[in-house]
Amino acid sequence: MFTHAWKLVLSLALLGVALAGASFAFASGGSTASATPQTFKVFDHTVRSHNIDVDNSHSFSIGDEFIFTDQLWNADRTQRVGKLHGVCTVVSHTTAHCAETAHLHGGTLEGAGDINGDAARVRQPITGGTGTFIGATGEFRIHQLSENNSMVTVVITG
């Protein structure tokens, strides 16, 4: 059930979150803490990915992994704001668990969670960060635009 598009959706979502977090941190003087949620849209583009088929079944099955690298851009796609690295492990017939790190100016944002392989829209929690993103919480709302591209709405709540 997993397709190349599934991997792209996940990676794009994470990139979008990273970009949104970066925009918020710089706009607010480097602090992600806020009394009200801050929302941003970012563009995520997958530039490299590799599948690891642990059982040589030629399909996604439990234990298989894919590793990816994405470029992060502002929502207008005029300025590159960082990069994203991630690893996803298939944990059931329809689900993979993914962990990603977005490298941005001023620090990193972390995301992790389960992704449904057939979903064109995904939500994933922000699990923390470093530098100007220490203590960041919230979620990434990912909307797949194409196989390698996604628009991500980043909601930082803390």
Protein backbone atom coordinates (compact mmCIF):
# COMPACT_ATOMS: atom_id res chain seq x y z
CA MET A 1 0.00 0.00 0.00
CA PHE A 2 2.92 2.33 0.50
CA THR A 3 3.97 4.33 -2.52
CA HIS A 4 6.75 6.74 -3.33
CA ALA A 5 4.19 9.52 -2.82
CA TRP A 6 3.70 8.38 0.78
CA LYS A 7 7.38 8.96 1.52
CA LEU A 8 7.25 12.34 -0.13
CA VAL A 9 4.23 13.42 1.87
CA LEU A 10 5.97 12.63 5.12
CA SER A 11 9.20 14.37 4.23
CA LEU A 12 7.45 17.40 2.82
CA ALA A 13 5.37 17.80 5.92
CA LEU A 14 8.40 17.86 8.14
CA LEU A 15 10.11 20.40 5.98
CA GLY A 16 7.14 22.64 6.13
CA VAL A 17 7.12 22.52 9.90
CA ALA A 18 10.77 23.43 10.03
CA LEU A 19 10.29 26.42 7.78
CA ALA A 20 7.34 27.69 9.75
CA GLY A 21 9.25 27.38 12.97
CA ALA A 22 12.17 29.26 11.50
CA SER A 23 9.94 32.10 10.31
CA PHE A 24 8.30 32.39 13.72
CA ALA A 25 11.59 32.34 15.64
CA PHE A 26 13.13 35.09 13.55
CA ALA A 27 9.96 37.22 13.52
CA SER A 28 9.64 37.05 17.29
CA GLY A 29 13.28 37.74 18.13
CA GLY A 30 14.34 34.12 18.51
CA SER A 31 11.80 32.76 20.95
CA THR A 32 9.24 30.11 20.06
CA ALA A 33 7.28 30.43 23.31
CA SER A 34 3.99 32.27 22.85
CA ALA A 35 0.67 32.73 24.66
CA THR A 36 -1.20 32.08 21.40
CA PRO A 37 -0.36 29.61 18.63
CA GLN A 38 1.78 30.91 15.77
CA THR A 39 0.98 29.57 12.30
CA PHE A 40 3.14 29.58 9.15
CA LYS A 41 3.08 27.94 5.73
CA VAL A 42 6.23 26.48 4.16
CA PHE A 43 7.18 24.55 1.03
CA ASP A 44 9.00 21.18 1.26
CA HIS A 45 10.86 19.59 -1.68
CA THR A 46 12.39 16.10 -1.52
CA VAL A 47 15.79 15.99 -3.22
CA ARG A 48 17.03 12.51 -2.23
CA SER A 49 15.53 9.33 -0.83
CA HIS A 50 16.51 5.70 -0.45
CA ASN A 51 14.37 2.66 0.33
CA ILE A 52 15.68 -0.23 2.40
CA ASP A 53 13.74 -3.43 1.62
CA VAL A 54 14.82 -5.62 4.56
CA ASP A 55 13.02 -8.76 3.39
CA ASN A 56 13.55 -8.28 -0.39
CA SER A 57 9.79 -8.41 -0.97
CA HIS A 58 9.88 -5.45 -3.42
CA SER A 59 7.04 -3.81 -1.50
CA PHE A 60 6.77 -1.95 1.79
CA SER A 61 6.51 -4.44 4.63
CA ILE A 62 7.11 -4.31 8.39
CA GLY A 63 10.71 -3.35 9.14
CA ASP A 64 11.39 -1.67 5.78
CA GLU A 65 12.77 1.86 5.95
CA PHE A 66 13.18 4.89 3.80
CA ILE A 67 15.62 7.70 4.38
CA PHE A 68 15.21 11.15 2.86
CA THR A 69 16.70 14.61 2.50
CA ASP A 70 14.52 17.61 1.69
CA GLN A 71 15.08 21.26 0.94
CA LEU A 72 13.00 23.72 2.93
CA TRP A 73 11.75 26.92 1.27
CA ASN A 74 9.58 29.83 2.28
CA ALA A 75 5.95 29.48 1.16
CA ASP A 76 6.59 31.62 -1.95
CA ARG A 77 9.50 29.33 -2.93
CA THR A 78 11.82 32.31 -3.31
CA GLN A 79 14.24 31.64 -0.43
CA ARG A 80 15.74 28.41 0.85
CA VAL A 81 15.51 28.34 4.65
CA GLY A 82 17.02 24.99 5.59
CA LYS A 83 17.16 21.25 5.07
CA LEU A 84 15.43 18.22 6.52
CA HIS A 85 16.68 14.70 7.18
CA GLY A 86 14.43 11.84 8.17
CA VAL A 87 14.00 8.10 8.61
CA CYS A 88 10.73 6.18 8.46
CA THR A 89 10.18 2.57 9.51
CA VAL A 90 7.15 0.60 8.34
CA VAL A 91 5.32 -0.66 11.46
CA SER A 92 2.13 -2.11 9.93
CA HIS A 93 0.55 -2.73 6.53
CA THR A 94 -0.63 0.90 6.30
CA THR A 95 1.55 2.85 8.74
CA ALA A 96 5.13 3.98 9.17
CA HIS A 97 6.76 5.70 12.14
CA CYS A 98 8.96 8.63 11.12
CA ALA A 99 11.48 10.85 12.89
CA GLU A 100 12.91 13.99 11.26
CA THR A 101 15.28 16.82 12.01
CA ALA A 102 14.96 20.20 10.30
CA HIS A 103 18.21 22.16 10.24
CA LEU A 104 17.46 25.89 10.23
CA HIS A 105 19.23 29.14 10.92
CA GLY A 106 19.37 29.35 14.71
CA GLY A 107 18.77 25.68 15.53
CA THR A 108 16.79 22.56 14.72
CA LEU A 109 13.19 21.39 14.96
CA GLU A 110 12.31 17.76 15.63
CA GLY A 111 9.21 15.89 14.53
CA ALA A 112 8.11 12.29 15.02
CA GLY A 113 4.98 10.24 14.65
CA ASP A 114 3.00 7.72 12.66
CA ILE A 115 2.06 8.39 9.05
CA ASN A 116 -0.71 6.59 7.15
CA GLY A 117 0.60 5.56 3.73
CA ASP A 118 -2.55 6.54 1.82
CA ALA A 119 -3.04 9.99 3.35
CA ALA A 120 -2.71 13.13 1.20
CA ARG A 121 -3.06 15.23 4.36
CA VAL A 122 -1.10 14.39 7.49
CA ARG A 123 -0.65 15.85 10.98
CA GLN A 124 2.50 15.16 12.96
CA PRO A 125 3.64 16.48 16.36
CA ILE A 126 6.58 18.80 16.87
CA THR A 127 8.61 17.03 19.55
CA GLY A 128 11.21 19.69 20.39
CA GLY A 129 14.15 21.66 19.11
CA THR A 130 17.52 23.23 19.78
CA GLY A 131 18.87 26.78 19.75
CA THR A 132 16.10 29.31 19.15
CA PHE A 133 13.61 26.42 19.01
CA ILE A 134 14.22 25.00 22.50
CA GLY A 135 10.88 23.97 24.00
CA ALA A 136 8.98 24.15 20.70
CA THR A 137 5.71 22.19 20.64
CA GLY A 138 2.83 22.04 18.21
CA GLU A 139 2.14 20.21 14.99
CA PHE A 140 2.92 20.02 11.28
CA ARG A 141 -0.10 19.95 8.97
CA ILE A 142 1.13 18.53 5.67
CA HIS A 143 -0.68 18.73 2.34
CA GLN A 144 0.91 16.76 -0.48
CA LEU A 145 0.97 18.73 -3.74
CA SER A 146 2.83 16.19 -5.89
CA GLU A 147 5.20 13.25 -5.53
CA ASN A 148 8.12 15.38 -4.23
CA ASN A 149 6.42 18.56 -3.05
CA SER A 150 4.23 19.51 -0.11
CA MET A 151 2.86 22.65 1.49
CA VAL A 152 3.12 22.52 5.25
CA THR A 153 1.29 24.59 7.80
CA VAL A 154 3.32 24.76 10.99
CA VAL A 155 1.48 25.48 14.21
CA ILE A 156 3.76 26.31 17.15
CA THR A 157 1.88 26.34 20.45
CA GLY A 158 4.74 26.55 22.89
